[in-house]
Amino acid sequence: MMSYLFEEFVEMENPGLEFQPANGFALLHGHCHQKSFDQMGLVELGLSRIPGFEVETIKAGF
């Protein structure tokens, strides 16, 4: 049995998932477990797929 972080599972099951446009901006602060498993790239990738939505990752922690 395998376990995955949410962002890993979504990317495995739905590569290239498309979203409806959502104009906006968000500051992204990753959880410690996402950083320790080096998964922030998948979180950023998923959010970058939302047309019109801008995300800036906060450089904090590890």
PDB file of N, CA and C in Angstrom:
ATOM      1  N   MET A   1       0.847  -1.171   0.000  1.00  0.00           N
ATOM      2  CA  MET A   1       0.000   0.000   0.000  1.00  0.00           C
ATOM      3  C   MET A   1       0.894   1.235   0.000  1.00  0.00           C
ATOM      4  N   MET A   2       0.521   2.226  -0.797  1.00  0.00           N
ATOM      5  CA  MET A   2       1.270   3.480  -0.879  1.00  0.00           C
ATOM      6  C   MET A   2       0.411   4.613  -0.333  1.00  0.00           C
ATOM      7  N   SER A   3       1.079   5.612   0.156  1.00  0.00           N
ATOM      8  CA  SER A   3       0.360   6.817   0.560  1.00  0.00           C
ATOM      9  C   SER A   3       0.985   8.000  -0.170  1.00  0.00           C
ATOM     10  N   TYR A   4       0.169   9.007  -0.436  1.00  0.00           N
ATOM     11  CA  TYR A   4       0.608  10.166  -1.194  1.00  0.00           C
ATOM     12  C   TYR A   4       0.087  11.438  -0.541  1.00  0.00           C
ATOM     13  N   LEU A   5       0.824  12.511  -0.743  1.00  0.00           N
ATOM     14  CA  LEU A   5       0.302  13.812  -0.375  1.00  0.00           C
ATOM     15  C   LEU A   5      -0.784  14.158  -1.383  1.00  0.00           C
ATOM     16  N   PHE A   6      -1.690  15.025  -1.009  1.00  0.00           N
ATOM     17  CA  PHE A   6      -2.817  15.375  -1.865  1.00  0.00           C
ATOM     18  C   PHE A   6      -2.355  15.836  -3.241  1.00  0.00           C
ATOM     19  N   GLU A   7      -1.364  16.728  -3.286  1.00  0.00           N
ATOM     20  CA  GLU A   7      -0.910  17.263  -4.561  1.00  0.00           C
ATOM     21  C   GLU A   7      -0.269  16.187  -5.441  1.00  0.00           C
ATOM     22  N   GLU A   8       0.386  15.201  -4.842  1.00  0.00           N
ATOM     23  CA  GLU A   8       0.938  14.077  -5.606  1.00  0.00           C
ATOM     24  C   GLU A   8      -0.194  13.260  -6.221  1.00  0.00           C
ATOM     25  N   PHE A   9      -1.194  12.958  -5.422  1.00  0.00           N
ATOM     26  CA  PHE A   9      -2.323  12.157  -5.888  1.00  0.00           C
ATOM     27  C   PHE A   9      -3.054  12.842  -7.046  1.00  0.00           C
ATOM     28  N   VAL A  10      -3.336  14.129  -6.888  1.00  0.00           N
ATOM     29  CA  VAL A  10      -4.047  14.863  -7.943  1.00  0.00           C
ATOM     30  C   VAL A  10      -3.240  14.836  -9.231  1.00  0.00           C
ATOM     31  N   GLU A  11      -1.941  15.065  -9.160  1.00  0.00           N
ATOM     32  CA  GLU A  11      -1.099  15.088 -10.362  1.00  0.00           C
ATOM     33  C   GLU A  11      -1.017  13.697 -10.998  1.00  0.00           C
ATOM     34  N   MET A  12      -0.955  12.649 -10.197  1.00  0.00           N
ATOM     35  CA  MET A  12      -0.901  11.284 -10.744  1.00  0.00           C
ATOM     36  C   MET A  12      -2.211  10.902 -11.428  1.00  0.00           C
ATOM     37  N   GLU A  13      -3.326  11.246 -10.803  1.00  0.00           N
ATOM     38  CA  GLU A  13      -4.629  10.840 -11.313  1.00  0.00           C
ATOM     39  C   GLU A  13      -5.163  11.747 -12.422  1.00  0.00           C
ATOM     40  N   ASN A  14      -4.728  13.013 -12.431  1.00  0.00           N
ATOM     41  CA  ASN A  14      -5.249  13.988 -13.402  1.00  0.00           C
ATOM     42  C   ASN A  14      -4.134  14.874 -13.946  1.00  0.00           C
ATOM     43  N   PRO A  15      -3.136  14.290 -14.625  1.00  0.00           N
ATOM     44  CA  PRO A  15      -2.060  15.141 -15.131  1.00  0.00           C
ATOM     45  C   PRO A  15      -2.619  16.170 -16.114  1.00  0.00           C
ATOM     46  N   GLY A  16      -2.187  17.399 -15.972  1.00  0.00           N
ATOM     47  CA  GLY A  16      -2.662  18.448 -16.869  1.00  0.00           C
ATOM     48  C   GLY A  16      -4.067  18.919 -16.571  1.00  0.00           C
ATOM     49  N   LEU A  17      -4.550  18.669 -15.363  1.00  0.00           N
ATOM     50  CA  LEU A  17      -5.889  19.092 -14.968  1.00  0.00           C
ATOM     51  C   LEU A  17      -6.099  20.568 -15.284  1.00  0.00           C
ATOM     52  N   GLU A  18      -7.234  20.904 -15.880  1.00  0.00           N
ATOM     53  CA  GLU A  18      -7.538  22.286 -16.236  1.00  0.00           C
ATOM     54  C   GLU A  18      -8.610  22.844 -15.312  1.00  0.00           C
ATOM     55  N   PHE A  19      -8.491  24.142 -15.029  1.00  0.00           N
ATOM     56  CA  PHE A  19      -9.417  24.815 -14.132  1.00  0.00           C
ATOM     57  C   PHE A  19     -10.108  25.961 -14.849  1.00  0.00           C
ATOM     58  N   GLN A  20     -11.223  26.391 -14.320  1.00  0.00           N
ATOM     59  CA  GLN A  20     -11.917  27.573 -14.819  1.00  0.00           C
ATOM     60  C   GLN A  20     -11.126  28.811 -14.412  1.00  0.00           C
ATOM     61  N   PRO A  21     -11.180  29.870 -15.218  1.00  0.00           N
ATOM     62  CA  PRO A  21     -10.468  31.101 -14.844  1.00  0.00           C
ATOM     63  C   PRO A  21     -10.962  31.655 -13.505  1.00  0.00           C
ATOM     64  N   ALA A  22     -10.027  32.220 -12.767  1.00  0.00           N
ATOM     65  CA  ALA A  22     -10.355  32.843 -11.473  1.00  0.00           C
ATOM     66  C   ALA A  22      -9.363  33.969 -11.253  1.00  0.00           C
ATOM     67  N   ASN A  23      -9.744  35.162 -11.623  1.00  0.00           N
ATOM     68  CA  ASN A  23      -8.839  36.288 -11.434  1.00  0.00           C
ATOM     69  C   ASN A  23      -8.609  36.519  -9.955  1.00  0.00           C
ATOM     70  N   GLY A  24      -7.333  36.610  -9.596  1.00  0.00           N
ATOM     71  CA  GLY A  24      -7.020  36.846  -8.198  1.00  0.00           C
ATOM     72  C   GLY A  24      -5.553  36.664  -7.915  1.00  0.00           C
ATOM     73  N   PHE A  25      -5.217  36.777  -6.647  1.00  0.00           N
ATOM     74  CA  PHE A  25      -3.832  36.682  -6.193  1.00  0.00           C
ATOM     75  C   PHE A  25      -3.815  35.980  -4.840  1.00  0.00           C
ATOM     76  N   ALA A  26      -2.807  35.138  -4.638  1.00  0.00           N
ATOM     77  CA  ALA A  26      -2.667  34.463  -3.344  1.00  0.00           C
ATOM     78  C   ALA A  26      -1.205  34.372  -2.967  1.00  0.00           C
ATOM     79  N   LEU A  27      -0.956  34.493  -1.682  1.00  0.00           N
ATOM     80  CA  LEU A  27       0.358  34.198  -1.133  1.00  0.00           C
ATOM     81  C   LEU A  27       0.303  32.755  -0.643  1.00  0.00           C
ATOM     82  N   LEU A  28       1.268  31.955  -1.047  1.00  0.00           N
ATOM     83  CA  LEU A  28       1.282  30.537  -0.714  1.00  0.00           C
ATOM     84  C   LEU A  28       2.342  30.262   0.339  1.00  0.00           C
ATOM     85  N   HIS A  29       1.920  29.712   1.465  1.00  0.00           N
ATOM     86  CA  HIS A  29       2.842  29.290   2.516  1.00  0.00           C
ATOM     87  C   HIS A  29       2.713  27.784   2.650  1.00  0.00           C
ATOM     88  N   GLY A  30       3.769  27.086   2.312  1.00  0.00           N
ATOM     89  CA  GLY A  30       3.725  25.625   2.357  1.00  0.00           C
ATOM     90  C   GLY A  30       3.782  25.084   3.768  1.00  0.00           C
ATOM     91  N   HIS A  31       3.145  23.945   3.952  1.00  0.00           N
ATOM     92  CA  HIS A  31       3.203  23.252   5.235  1.00  0.00           C
ATOM     93  C   HIS A  31       4.565  22.589   5.376  1.00  0.00           C
ATOM     94  N   CYS A  32       4.988  22.362   6.584  1.00  0.00           N
ATOM     95  CA  CYS A  32       6.299  21.754   6.840  1.00  0.00           C
ATOM     96  C   CYS A  32       6.437  20.400   6.132  1.00  0.00           C
ATOM     97  N   HIS A  33       5.367  19.597   6.134  1.00  0.00           N
ATOM     98  CA  HIS A  33       5.463  18.288   5.498  1.00  0.00           C
ATOM     99  C   HIS A  33       5.618  18.415   3.986  1.00  0.00           C
ATOM    100  N   GLN A  34       5.023  19.430   3.376  1.00  0.00           N
ATOM    101  CA  GLN A  34       5.190  19.635   1.942  1.00  0.00           C
ATOM    102  C   GLN A  34       6.638  20.011   1.636  1.00  0.00           C
ATOM    103  N   LYS A  35       7.210  20.853   2.451  1.00  0.00           N
ATOM    104  CA  LYS A  35       8.595  21.269   2.251  1.00  0.00           C
ATOM    105  C   LYS A  35       9.552  20.103   2.498  1.00  0.00           C
ATOM    106  N   SER A  36       9.326  19.331   3.551  1.00  0.00           N
ATOM    107  CA  SER A  36      10.241  18.237   3.876  1.00  0.00           C
ATOM    108  C   SER A  36      10.195  17.125   2.826  1.00  0.00           C
ATOM    109  N   PHE A  37       9.060  16.954   2.164  1.00  0.00           N
ATOM    110  CA  PHE A  37       8.954  15.972   1.086  1.00  0.00           C
ATOM    111  C   PHE A  37       9.231  16.593  -0.283  1.00  0.00           C
ATOM    112  N   ASP A  38       9.679  17.858  -0.294  1.00  0.00           N
ATOM    113  CA  ASP A  38      10.002  18.590  -1.516  1.00  0.00           C
ATOM    114  C   ASP A  38       8.834  18.561  -2.510  1.00  0.00           C
ATOM    115  N   GLN A  39       7.642  18.890  -2.019  1.00  0.00           N
ATOM    116  CA  GLN A  39       6.439  18.848  -2.841  1.00  0.00           C
ATOM    117  C   GLN A  39       5.860  20.221  -3.165  1.00  0.00           C
ATOM    118  N   MET A  40       6.538  21.273  -2.792  1.00  0.00           N
ATOM    119  CA  MET A  40       5.991  22.602  -3.067  1.00  0.00           C
ATOM    120  C   MET A  40       5.865  22.852  -4.569  1.00  0.00           C
ATOM    121  N   GLY A  41       6.739  22.268  -5.356  1.00  0.00           N
ATOM    122  CA  GLY A  41       6.661  22.429  -6.809  1.00  0.00           C
ATOM    123  C   GLY A  41       5.332  21.941  -7.367  1.00  0.00           C
ATOM    124  N   LEU A  42       4.806  20.844  -6.825  1.00  0.00           N
ATOM    125  CA  LEU A  42       3.515  20.327  -7.300  1.00  0.00           C
ATOM    126  C   LEU A  42       2.362  21.222  -6.874  1.00  0.00           C
ATOM    127  N   VAL A  43       2.467  21.813  -5.704  1.00  0.00           N
ATOM    128  CA  VAL A  43       1.430  22.747  -5.249  1.00  0.00           C
ATOM    129  C   VAL A  43       1.428  23.972  -6.161  1.00  0.00           C
ATOM    130  N   GLU A  44       2.619  24.507  -6.415  1.00  0.00           N
ATOM    131  CA  GLU A  44       2.741  25.671  -7.296  1.00  0.00           C
ATOM    132  C   GLU A  44       2.262  25.346  -8.705  1.00  0.00           C
ATOM    133  N   LEU A  45       2.594  24.160  -9.205  1.00  0.00           N
ATOM    134  CA  LEU A  45       2.153  23.740 -10.538  1.00  0.00           C
ATOM    135  C   LEU A  45       0.628  23.693 -10.612  1.00  0.00           C
ATOM    136  N   GLY A  46       0.009  23.086  -9.631  1.00  0.00           N
ATOM    137  CA  GLY A  46      -1.450  22.989  -9.629  1.00  0.00           C
ATOM    138  C   GLY A  46      -2.110  24.356  -9.630  1.00  0.00           C
ATOM    139  N   LEU A  47      -1.613  25.244  -8.786  1.00  0.00           N
ATOM    140  CA  LEU A  47      -2.204  26.582  -8.716  1.00  0.00           C
ATOM    141  C   LEU A  47      -1.901  27.404  -9.963  1.00  0.00           C
ATOM    142  N   SER A  48      -0.770  27.148 -10.610  1.00  0.00           N
ATOM    143  CA  SER A  48      -0.424  27.888 -11.830  1.00  0.00           C
ATOM    144  C   SER A  48      -1.345  27.529 -12.996  1.00  0.00           C
ATOM    145  N   ARG A  49      -2.064  26.449 -12.887  1.00  0.00           N
ATOM    146  CA  ARG A  49      -2.980  26.022 -13.950  1.00  0.00           C
ATOM    147  C   ARG A  49      -4.317  26.761 -13.928  1.00  0.00           C
ATOM    148  N   ILE A  50      -4.520  27.606 -12.933  1.00  0.00           N
ATOM    149  CA  ILE A  50      -5.762  28.376 -12.854  1.00  0.00           C
ATOM    150  C   ILE A  50      -5.559  29.659 -13.655  1.00  0.00           C
ATOM    151  N   PRO A  51      -6.212  29.773 -14.825  1.00  0.00           N
ATOM    152  CA  PRO A  51      -6.026  30.964 -15.655  1.00  0.00           C
ATOM    153  C   PRO A  51      -6.439  32.236 -14.914  1.00  0.00           C
ATOM    154  N   GLY A  52      -5.576  33.260 -15.011  1.00  0.00           N
ATOM    155  CA  GLY A  52      -5.880  34.541 -14.396  1.00  0.00           C
ATOM    156  C   GLY A  52      -5.558  34.621 -12.920  1.00  0.00           C
ATOM    157  N   PHE A  53      -5.060  33.531 -12.334  1.00  0.00           N
ATOM    158  CA  PHE A  53      -4.768  33.495 -10.909  1.00  0.00           C
ATOM    159  C   PHE A  53      -3.265  33.576 -10.714  1.00  0.00           C
ATOM    160  N   GLU A  54      -2.820  34.505  -9.896  1.00  0.00           N
ATOM    161  CA  GLU A  54      -1.400  34.696  -9.644  1.00  0.00           C
ATOM    162  C   GLU A  54      -1.054  34.216  -8.244  1.00  0.00           C
ATOM    163  N   VAL A  55       0.024  33.466  -8.136  1.00  0.00           N
ATOM    164  CA  VAL A  55       0.447  32.917  -6.853  1.00  0.00           C
ATOM    165  C   VAL A  55       1.895  33.290  -6.596  1.00  0.00           C
ATOM    166  N   GLU A  56       2.160  33.723  -5.386  1.00  0.00           N
ATOM    167  CA  GLU A  56       3.538  34.007  -4.972  1.00  0.00           C
ATOM    168  C   GLU A  56       3.824  33.158  -3.750  1.00  0.00           C
ATOM    169  N   THR A  57       4.872  32.353  -3.830  1.00  0.00           N
ATOM    170  CA  THR A  57       5.255  31.493  -2.711  1.00  0.00           C
ATOM    171  C   THR A  57       6.071  32.293  -1.718  1.00  0.00           C
ATOM    172  N   ILE A  58       5.677  32.232  -0.463  1.00  0.00           N
ATOM    173  CA  ILE A  58       6.391  32.913   0.614  1.00  0.00           C
ATOM    174  C   ILE A  58       7.613  32.074   0.951  1.00  0.00           C
ATOM    175  N   LYS A  59       8.763  32.687   0.936  1.00  0.00           N
ATOM    176  CA  LYS A  59      10.010  31.992   1.277  1.00  0.00           C
ATOM    177  C   LYS A  59      10.218  32.065   2.783  1.00  0.00           C
ATOM    178  N   ALA A  60       9.694  31.062   3.476  1.00  0.00           N
ATOM    179  CA  ALA A  60       9.789  31.026   4.937  1.00  0.00           C
ATOM    180  C   ALA A  60      10.077  29.603   5.390  1.00  0.00           C
ATOM    181  N   GLY A  61      10.644  29.455   6.523  1.00  0.00           N
ATOM    182  CA  GLY A  61      10.906  28.117   7.037  1.00  0.00           C
ATOM    183  C   GLY A  61      12.131  27.508   6.406  1.00  0.00           C
ATOM    184  N   PHE A  62      12.105  26.235   6.243  1.00  0.00           N
ATOM    185  CA  PHE A  62      13.251  25.522   5.720  1.00  0.00           C
ATOM    186  C   PHE A  62      13.761  26.046   4.436  1.00  0.00           C
TER     187      PHE A  62
END
